[in-house]
Amino acid sequence: MTRVLMIEDDLELAEILMEYLEQFEIHITIAEEPYIGLSTLDTQPFDLVILDLTLPGLDGLDVCKEIRKRHTLPIIISSARTDITDKVTALENGADDYLPKPYNPRELQARIMSLLRRQKGFVPTTQSIEKPKDFILSEEQMQITLLGKTLHLTAAEYGILAYLIKKEGGVVSREELIYNIEAISEETTNKSIDVIIGRIRHKLGENPKEPTYIHAIRGIGYKFLQ
């Protein structure tokens, strides 16, 4: 397991990245404030730091400088600040990489592993993982993300997509969806299920004739693959 400290005050973004990176056996510890982050880094072992620049109480460039004074682990700057001066200063202060927001979580994962491979004696923990998952389902928050972006779904759309994700690879009938999803009435018709599926596909950016994720099974229902 790779341990990463993320110093980031955007908690929603941090949690999305945390959930996404877990599938690569990259465990994220989140620190919303810079001083908490520095304290955590001094008391716990980590392999890498992801650092935002716009932080409450202490500028991220100063945090970067403080981390480099005390530690040799890699630092990735993750920031919406696009001024070239900030980028140059961060690299001069000891950062190893600079990733401007917004970015695809896959790119962040790739950069993390690229930096860690350069560390003497570091063995990647992702070699046994065949394929990353595009979807992350958080049932506690009733939220689904696709490639790190939160999908805006109605209750019925969320219920169907969540059910399909949990049944990944299995064929699910329309009747099964009707009777197992709380947001859908038992009087709902199969045609209505098809309409909801169509709305979900639209939000996923799918072409129903050449679907990537939700595949129609003729005469039965649907199958979800990723």
C-alpha atoms as a PDB file:
ATOM      1  CA  MET A   1       0.000   0.000   0.000  1.00  0.00           C
ATOM      2  CA  THR A   2       1.325   3.405  -1.022  1.00  0.00           C
ATOM      3  CA  ARG A   3       0.698   6.145   1.543  1.00  0.00           C
ATOM      4  CA  VAL A   4       0.098   9.693   0.294  1.00  0.00           C
ATOM      5  CA  LEU A   5      -0.580  12.863   2.268  1.00  0.00           C
ATOM      6  CA  MET A   6      -2.879  15.301   0.452  1.00  0.00           C
ATOM      7  CA  ILE A   7      -2.839  18.871   1.777  1.00  0.00           C
ATOM      8  CA  GLU A   8      -5.992  20.244   0.154  1.00  0.00           C
ATOM      9  CA  ASP A   9      -8.759  22.486   1.505  1.00  0.00           C
ATOM     10  CA  ASP A  10     -11.261  21.457  -1.198  1.00  0.00           C
ATOM     11  CA  LEU A  11     -12.623  18.492   0.740  1.00  0.00           C
ATOM     12  CA  GLU A  12     -15.025  17.367  -2.001  1.00  0.00           C
ATOM     13  CA  LEU A  13     -12.197  17.133  -4.551  1.00  0.00           C
ATOM     14  CA  ALA A  14      -9.904  15.439  -2.029  1.00  0.00           C
ATOM     15  CA  GLU A  15     -12.493  12.753  -1.235  1.00  0.00           C
ATOM     16  CA  ILE A  16     -13.146  12.062  -4.936  1.00  0.00           C
ATOM     17  CA  LEU A  17      -9.422  11.617  -5.540  1.00  0.00           C
ATOM     18  CA  MET A  18      -9.098   9.506  -2.401  1.00  0.00           C
ATOM     19  CA  GLU A  19     -11.825   7.102  -3.546  1.00  0.00           C
ATOM     20  CA  TYR A  20     -10.412   6.917  -7.064  1.00  0.00           C
ATOM     21  CA  LEU A  21      -6.817   6.219  -5.982  1.00  0.00           C
ATOM     22  CA  GLU A  22      -7.815   3.506  -3.487  1.00  0.00           C
ATOM     23  CA  GLN A  23      -8.323   1.081  -6.399  1.00  0.00           C
ATOM     24  CA  PHE A  24      -4.597   1.404  -7.131  1.00  0.00           C
ATOM     25  CA  GLU A  25      -3.739   0.630  -3.489  1.00  0.00           C
ATOM     26  CA  ILE A  26      -2.828   4.275  -2.955  1.00  0.00           C
ATOM     27  CA  HIS A  27      -4.123   5.328   0.471  1.00  0.00           C
ATOM     28  CA  ILE A  28      -4.761   9.057   0.871  1.00  0.00           C
ATOM     29  CA  THR A  29      -4.659  10.923   4.164  1.00  0.00           C
ATOM     30  CA  ILE A  30      -6.334  14.340   3.835  1.00  0.00           C
ATOM     31  CA  ALA A  31      -5.204  17.461   5.694  1.00  0.00           C
ATOM     32  CA  GLU A  32      -7.444  20.488   5.075  1.00  0.00           C
ATOM     33  CA  GLU A  33      -5.063  22.982   6.720  1.00  0.00           C
ATOM     34  CA  PRO A  34      -1.336  23.447   6.042  1.00  0.00           C
ATOM     35  CA  TYR A  35      -0.193  23.328   9.667  1.00  0.00           C
ATOM     36  CA  ILE A  36      -2.118  20.098  10.233  1.00  0.00           C
ATOM     37  CA  GLY A  37      -0.497  18.726   7.105  1.00  0.00           C
ATOM     38  CA  LEU A  38       3.006  19.599   8.286  1.00  0.00           C
ATOM     39  CA  SER A  39       2.329  18.099  11.709  1.00  0.00           C
ATOM     40  CA  THR A  40       0.897  14.925  10.171  1.00  0.00           C
ATOM     41  CA  LEU A  41       3.913  14.598   7.904  1.00  0.00           C
ATOM     42  CA  ASP A  42       6.242  14.869  10.897  1.00  0.00           C
ATOM     43  CA  THR A  43       4.452  12.160  12.873  1.00  0.00           C
ATOM     44  CA  GLN A  44       3.431   9.577  10.238  1.00  0.00           C
ATOM     45  CA  PRO A  45       5.282   7.838   7.372  1.00  0.00           C
ATOM     46  CA  PHE A  46       4.303   8.763   3.807  1.00  0.00           C
ATOM     47  CA  ASP A  47       5.636   7.974   0.343  1.00  0.00           C
ATOM     48  CA  LEU A  48       4.552  11.207  -1.359  1.00  0.00           C
ATOM     49  CA  VAL A  49       2.767  14.547  -0.816  1.00  0.00           C
ATOM     50  CA  ILE A  50       0.087  16.154  -3.000  1.00  0.00           C
ATOM     51  CA  LEU A  51      -0.032  19.858  -2.186  1.00  0.00           C
ATOM     52  CA  ASP A  52      -2.478  22.617  -3.143  1.00  0.00           C
ATOM     53  CA  LEU A  53      -1.088  26.151  -3.291  1.00  0.00           C
ATOM     54  CA  THR A  54      -4.144  28.137  -2.193  1.00  0.00           C
ATOM     55  CA  LEU A  55      -4.508  27.182   1.463  1.00  0.00           C
ATOM     56  CA  PRO A  56      -5.920  28.896   4.564  1.00  0.00           C
ATOM     57  CA  GLY A  57      -3.343  30.364   6.914  1.00  0.00           C
ATOM     58  CA  LEU A  58      -0.175  29.607   4.942  1.00  0.00           C
ATOM     59  CA  ASP A  59       0.574  29.821   1.232  1.00  0.00           C
ATOM     60  CA  GLY A  60       1.274  26.501  -0.446  1.00  0.00           C
ATOM     61  CA  LEU A  61       4.641  27.716  -1.741  1.00  0.00           C
ATOM     62  CA  ASP A  62       5.768  28.260   1.854  1.00  0.00           C
ATOM     63  CA  VAL A  63       4.385  24.839   2.801  1.00  0.00           C
ATOM     64  CA  CYS A  64       6.391  23.288  -0.028  1.00  0.00           C
ATOM     65  CA  LYS A  65       9.545  24.974   1.249  1.00  0.00           C
ATOM     66  CA  GLU A  66       8.908  23.729   4.797  1.00  0.00           C
ATOM     67  CA  ILE A  67       8.308  20.159   3.633  1.00  0.00           C
ATOM     68  CA  ARG A  68      11.525  20.129   1.631  1.00  0.00           C
ATOM     69  CA  LYS A  69      13.516  21.396   4.643  1.00  0.00           C
ATOM     70  CA  ARG A  70      12.363  18.398   6.700  1.00  0.00           C
ATOM     71  CA  HIS A  71      11.759  15.572   4.203  1.00  0.00           C
ATOM     72  CA  THR A  72      13.034  14.117   0.935  1.00  0.00           C
ATOM     73  CA  LEU A  73       9.817  12.460  -0.280  1.00  0.00           C
ATOM     74  CA  PRO A  74       8.350  13.552  -3.666  1.00  0.00           C
ATOM     75  CA  ILE A  75       5.964  16.521  -3.789  1.00  0.00           C
ATOM     76  CA  ILE A  76       3.291  17.010  -6.462  1.00  0.00           C
ATOM     77  CA  ILE A  77       1.738  20.475  -6.636  1.00  0.00           C
ATOM     78  CA  SER A  78      -1.971  20.287  -7.497  1.00  0.00           C
ATOM     79  CA  SER A  79      -3.214  23.814  -8.078  1.00  0.00           C
ATOM     80  CA  ALA A  80      -5.657  25.972 -10.038  1.00  0.00           C
ATOM     81  CA  ARG A  81      -3.075  28.775 -10.052  1.00  0.00           C
ATOM     82  CA  THR A  82      -1.765  29.012 -13.617  1.00  0.00           C
ATOM     83  CA  ASP A  83       0.787  31.801 -13.234  1.00  0.00           C
ATOM     84  CA  ILE A  84       4.121  30.534 -14.589  1.00  0.00           C
ATOM     85  CA  THR A  85       5.839  32.304 -11.685  1.00  0.00           C
ATOM     86  CA  ASP A  86       4.026  30.075  -9.179  1.00  0.00           C
ATOM     87  CA  LYS A  87       5.045  26.984 -11.115  1.00  0.00           C
ATOM     88  CA  VAL A  88       8.692  28.006 -11.327  1.00  0.00           C
ATOM     89  CA  THR A  89       8.792  29.039  -7.663  1.00  0.00           C
ATOM     90  CA  ALA A  90       7.226  25.748  -6.579  1.00  0.00           C
ATOM     91  CA  LEU A  91       9.809  23.745  -8.511  1.00  0.00           C
ATOM     92  CA  GLU A  92      12.606  25.925  -7.142  1.00  0.00           C
ATOM     93  CA  ASN A  93      11.268  25.369  -3.615  1.00  0.00           C
ATOM     94  CA  GLY A  94      11.551  21.608  -3.952  1.00  0.00           C
ATOM     95  CA  ALA A  95       8.403  20.403  -5.737  1.00  0.00           C
ATOM     96  CA  ASP A  96       8.956  17.471  -8.094  1.00  0.00           C
ATOM     97  CA  ASP A  97       5.921  17.956 -10.334  1.00  0.00           C
ATOM     98  CA  TYR A  98       3.202  20.542 -11.010  1.00  0.00           C
ATOM     99  CA  LEU A  99      -0.292  19.452 -12.089  1.00  0.00           C
ATOM    100  CA  PRO A 100      -2.670  22.317 -12.972  1.00  0.00           C
ATOM    101  CA  LYS A 101      -6.350  21.889 -12.075  1.00  0.00           C
ATOM    102  CA  PRO A 102      -8.645  20.622 -13.451  1.00  0.00           C
ATOM    103  CA  TYR A 103      -7.097  17.310 -14.407  1.00  0.00           C
ATOM    104  CA  ASN A 104      -8.113  13.694 -14.944  1.00  0.00           C
ATOM    105  CA  PRO A 105      -7.506  11.551 -11.817  1.00  0.00           C
ATOM    106  CA  ARG A 106      -5.848   8.985 -14.063  1.00  0.00           C
ATOM    107  CA  GLU A 107      -3.132  11.506 -14.863  1.00  0.00           C
ATOM    108  CA  LEU A 108      -2.571  12.116 -11.151  1.00  0.00           C
ATOM    109  CA  GLN A 109      -2.241   8.359 -10.554  1.00  0.00           C
ATOM    110  CA  ALA A 110       0.240   8.077 -13.434  1.00  0.00           C
ATOM    111  CA  ARG A 111       2.352  10.943 -12.116  1.00  0.00           C
ATOM    112  CA  ILE A 112       2.363   9.498  -8.596  1.00  0.00           C
ATOM    113  CA  MET A 113       3.651   6.162  -9.849  1.00  0.00           C
ATOM    114  CA  SER A 114       6.165   7.832 -12.176  1.00  0.00           C
ATOM    115  CA  LEU A 115       7.700   9.755  -9.275  1.00  0.00           C
ATOM    116  CA  LEU A 116       7.725   6.742  -6.977  1.00  0.00           C
ATOM    117  CA  ARG A 117       9.442   4.567  -9.586  1.00  0.00           C
ATOM    118  CA  ARG A 118      12.358   6.983  -9.442  1.00  0.00           C
ATOM    119  CA  GLN A 119      12.702   6.409  -5.709  1.00  0.00           C
ATOM    120  CA  LYS A 120      15.477   3.924  -4.990  1.00  0.00           C
ATOM    121  CA  GLY A 121      14.072   0.582  -3.900  1.00  0.00           C
ATOM    122  CA  PHE A 122      10.415   1.534  -4.418  1.00  0.00           C
ATOM    123  CA  VAL A 123       8.237  -1.304  -5.756  1.00  0.00           C
ATOM    124  CA  PRO A 124       4.929  -0.243  -7.397  1.00  0.00           C
ATOM    125  CA  THR A 125       1.887  -1.801  -5.744  1.00  0.00           C
ATOM    126  CA  THR A 126      -0.315  -1.582  -8.859  1.00  0.00           C
ATOM    127  CA  GLN A 127       1.320  -4.294 -10.970  1.00  0.00           C
ATOM    128  CA  SER A 128      -1.401  -6.828 -10.178  1.00  0.00           C
ATOM    129  CA  ILE A 129      -4.250  -4.445 -11.100  1.00  0.00           C
ATOM    130  CA  GLU A 130      -5.447  -5.139 -14.606  1.00  0.00           C
ATOM    131  CA  LYS A 131      -7.665  -2.143 -15.295  1.00  0.00           C
ATOM    132  CA  PRO A 132      -8.733   0.914 -13.319  1.00  0.00           C
ATOM    133  CA  LYS A 133     -12.432   1.423 -12.656  1.00  0.00           C
ATOM    134  CA  ASP A 134     -14.001   4.417 -14.373  1.00  0.00           C
ATOM    135  CA  PHE A 135     -16.908   4.553 -11.884  1.00  0.00           C
ATOM    136  CA  ILE A 136     -16.809   5.064  -8.132  1.00  0.00           C
ATOM    137  CA  LEU A 137     -20.009   4.341  -6.205  1.00  0.00           C
ATOM    138  CA  SER A 138     -20.423   5.935  -2.780  1.00  0.00           C
ATOM    139  CA  GLU A 139     -23.639   4.527  -1.317  1.00  0.00           C
ATOM    140  CA  GLU A 140     -23.211   6.471   1.920  1.00  0.00           C
ATOM    141  CA  GLN A 141     -23.306   9.779   0.017  1.00  0.00           C
ATOM    142  CA  MET A 142     -25.625   8.425  -2.716  1.00  0.00           C
ATOM    143  CA  GLN A 143     -23.082   9.643  -5.246  1.00  0.00           C
ATOM    144  CA  ILE A 144     -21.512   8.195  -8.376  1.00  0.00           C
ATOM    145  CA  THR A 145     -18.438   9.613 -10.086  1.00  0.00           C
ATOM    146  CA  LEU A 146     -17.231   8.879 -13.601  1.00  0.00           C
ATOM    147  CA  LEU A 147     -13.510   9.445 -14.170  1.00  0.00           C
ATOM    148  CA  GLY A 148     -13.441  11.668 -11.106  1.00  0.00           C
ATOM    149  CA  LYS A 149     -16.454  13.809 -12.042  1.00  0.00           C
ATOM    150  CA  THR A 150     -19.669  13.638 -10.025  1.00  0.00           C
ATOM    151  CA  LEU A 151     -22.718  12.617 -12.048  1.00  0.00           C
ATOM    152  CA  HIS A 152     -25.873  14.672 -11.457  1.00  0.00           C
ATOM    153  CA  LEU A 153     -28.594  12.023 -11.316  1.00  0.00           C
ATOM    154  CA  THR A 154     -32.215  11.852 -10.249  1.00  0.00           C
ATOM    155  CA  ALA A 155     -33.101   9.359  -7.512  1.00  0.00           C
ATOM    156  CA  ALA A 156     -34.343   6.839 -10.083  1.00  0.00           C
ATOM    157  CA  GLU A 157     -31.271   7.304 -12.295  1.00  0.00           C
ATOM    158  CA  TYR A 158     -28.950   6.897  -9.314  1.00  0.00           C
ATOM    159  CA  GLY A 159     -30.821   3.786  -8.169  1.00  0.00           C
ATOM    160  CA  ILE A 160     -30.597   2.076 -11.558  1.00  0.00           C
ATOM    161  CA  LEU A 161     -26.954   2.966 -12.221  1.00  0.00           C
ATOM    162  CA  ALA A 162     -25.882   1.997  -8.687  1.00  0.00           C
ATOM    163  CA  TYR A 163     -27.668  -1.345  -9.014  1.00  0.00           C
ATOM    164  CA  LEU A 164     -26.059  -2.041 -12.389  1.00  0.00           C
ATOM    165  CA  ILE A 165     -22.600  -1.153 -11.062  1.00  0.00           C
ATOM    166  CA  LYS A 166     -23.009  -3.553  -8.134  1.00  0.00           C
ATOM    167  CA  LYS A 167     -24.146  -6.266 -10.560  1.00  0.00           C
ATOM    168  CA  GLU A 168     -21.239  -5.551 -12.922  1.00  0.00           C
ATOM    169  CA  GLY A 169     -20.941  -8.228 -15.604  1.00  0.00           C
ATOM    170  CA  GLY A 170     -24.324  -9.788 -14.797  1.00  0.00           C
ATOM    171  CA  VAL A 171     -27.497  -9.460 -16.849  1.00  0.00           C
ATOM    172  CA  VAL A 172     -30.189  -7.474 -15.005  1.00  0.00           C
ATOM    173  CA  SER A 173     -33.810  -7.640 -16.158  1.00  0.00           C
ATOM    174  CA  ARG A 174     -36.074  -4.602 -16.257  1.00  0.00           C
ATOM    175  CA  GLU A 175     -38.349  -6.325 -13.726  1.00  0.00           C
ATOM    176  CA  GLU A 176     -35.413  -6.770 -11.347  1.00  0.00           C
ATOM    177  CA  LEU A 177     -34.715  -3.051 -11.530  1.00  0.00           C
ATOM    178  CA  ILE A 178     -38.380  -2.214 -10.888  1.00  0.00           C
ATOM    179  CA  TYR A 179     -38.679  -4.418  -7.798  1.00  0.00           C
ATOM    180  CA  ASN A 180     -35.272  -3.680  -6.239  1.00  0.00           C
ATOM    181  CA  ILE A 181     -34.934   0.091  -6.520  1.00  0.00           C
ATOM    182  CA  GLU A 182     -36.712   2.121  -3.881  1.00  0.00           C
ATOM    183  CA  ALA A 183     -37.047   5.233  -6.057  1.00  0.00           C
ATOM    184  CA  ILE A 184     -38.987   3.308  -8.705  1.00  0.00           C
ATOM    185  CA  SER A 185     -42.661   2.439  -8.264  1.00  0.00           C
ATOM    186  CA  GLU A 186     -43.756  -1.172  -8.782  1.00  0.00           C
ATOM    187  CA  GLU A 187     -46.287   0.166 -11.301  1.00  0.00           C
ATOM    188  CA  THR A 188     -43.432   1.411 -13.510  1.00  0.00           C
ATOM    189  CA  THR A 189     -43.431  -0.117 -16.995  1.00  0.00           C
ATOM    190  CA  ASN A 190     -40.502  -1.696 -18.795  1.00  0.00           C
ATOM    191  CA  LYS A 191     -40.725   1.140 -21.321  1.00  0.00           C
ATOM    192  CA  SER A 192     -40.222   3.659 -18.503  1.00  0.00           C
ATOM    193  CA  ILE A 193     -37.071   1.791 -17.432  1.00  0.00           C
ATOM    194  CA  ASP A 194     -35.765   2.082 -20.991  1.00  0.00           C
ATOM    195  CA  VAL A 195     -36.446   5.835 -20.920  1.00  0.00           C
ATOM    196  CA  ILE A 196     -34.503   6.232 -17.647  1.00  0.00           C
ATOM    197  CA  ILE A 197     -31.639   4.157 -19.052  1.00  0.00           C
ATOM    198  CA  GLY A 198     -31.616   6.494 -22.038  1.00  0.00           C
ATOM    199  CA  ARG A 199     -31.274   9.516 -19.747  1.00  0.00           C
ATOM    200  CA  ILE A 200     -28.422   7.835 -17.856  1.00  0.00           C
ATOM    201  CA  ARG A 201     -26.615   7.035 -21.100  1.00  0.00           C
ATOM    202  CA  HIS A 202     -26.964  10.655 -22.172  1.00  0.00           C
ATOM    203  CA  LYS A 203     -25.344  11.818 -18.916  1.00  0.00           C
ATOM    204  CA  LEU A 204     -22.534   9.297 -19.426  1.00  0.00           C
ATOM    205  CA  GLY A 205     -21.993  10.585 -22.961  1.00  0.00           C
ATOM    206  CA  GLU A 206     -22.750   7.149 -24.382  1.00  0.00           C
ATOM    207  CA  ASN A 207     -23.842   6.263 -27.897  1.00  0.00           C
ATOM    208  CA  PRO A 208     -26.626   3.642 -27.375  1.00  0.00           C
ATOM    209  CA  LYS A 209     -25.671   2.005 -30.690  1.00  0.00           C
ATOM    210  CA  GLU A 210     -22.064   1.536 -29.519  1.00  0.00           C
ATOM    211  CA  PRO A 211     -22.295   1.607 -25.709  1.00  0.00           C
ATOM    212  CA  THR A 212     -19.221   1.601 -23.515  1.00  0.00           C
ATOM    213  CA  TYR A 213     -20.821   0.820 -20.165  1.00  0.00           C
ATOM    214  CA  ILE A 214     -24.550  -0.051 -20.363  1.00  0.00           C
ATOM    215  CA  HIS A 215     -25.284  -2.822 -22.858  1.00  0.00           C
ATOM    216  CA  ALA A 216     -28.828  -3.836 -23.825  1.00  0.00           C
ATOM    217  CA  ILE A 217     -29.567  -7.554 -23.687  1.00  0.00           C
ATOM    218  CA  ARG A 218     -32.334  -8.239 -26.193  1.00  0.00           C
ATOM    219  CA  GLY A 219     -35.592  -9.388 -24.605  1.00  0.00           C
ATOM    220  CA  ILE A 220     -34.182  -9.302 -21.055  1.00  0.00           C
ATOM    221  CA  GLY A 221     -32.671  -6.065 -19.820  1.00  0.00           C
ATOM    222  CA  TYR A 222     -29.182  -4.651 -19.406  1.00  0.00           C
ATOM    223  CA  LYS A 223     -25.608  -5.507 -18.509  1.00  0.00           C
ATOM    224  CA  PHE A 224     -23.041  -3.083 -17.071  1.00  0.00           C
ATOM    225  CA  LEU A 225     -19.360  -3.365 -18.002  1.00  0.00           C
ATOM    226  CA  GLN A 226     -16.365  -1.126 -17.357  1.00  0.00           C
END
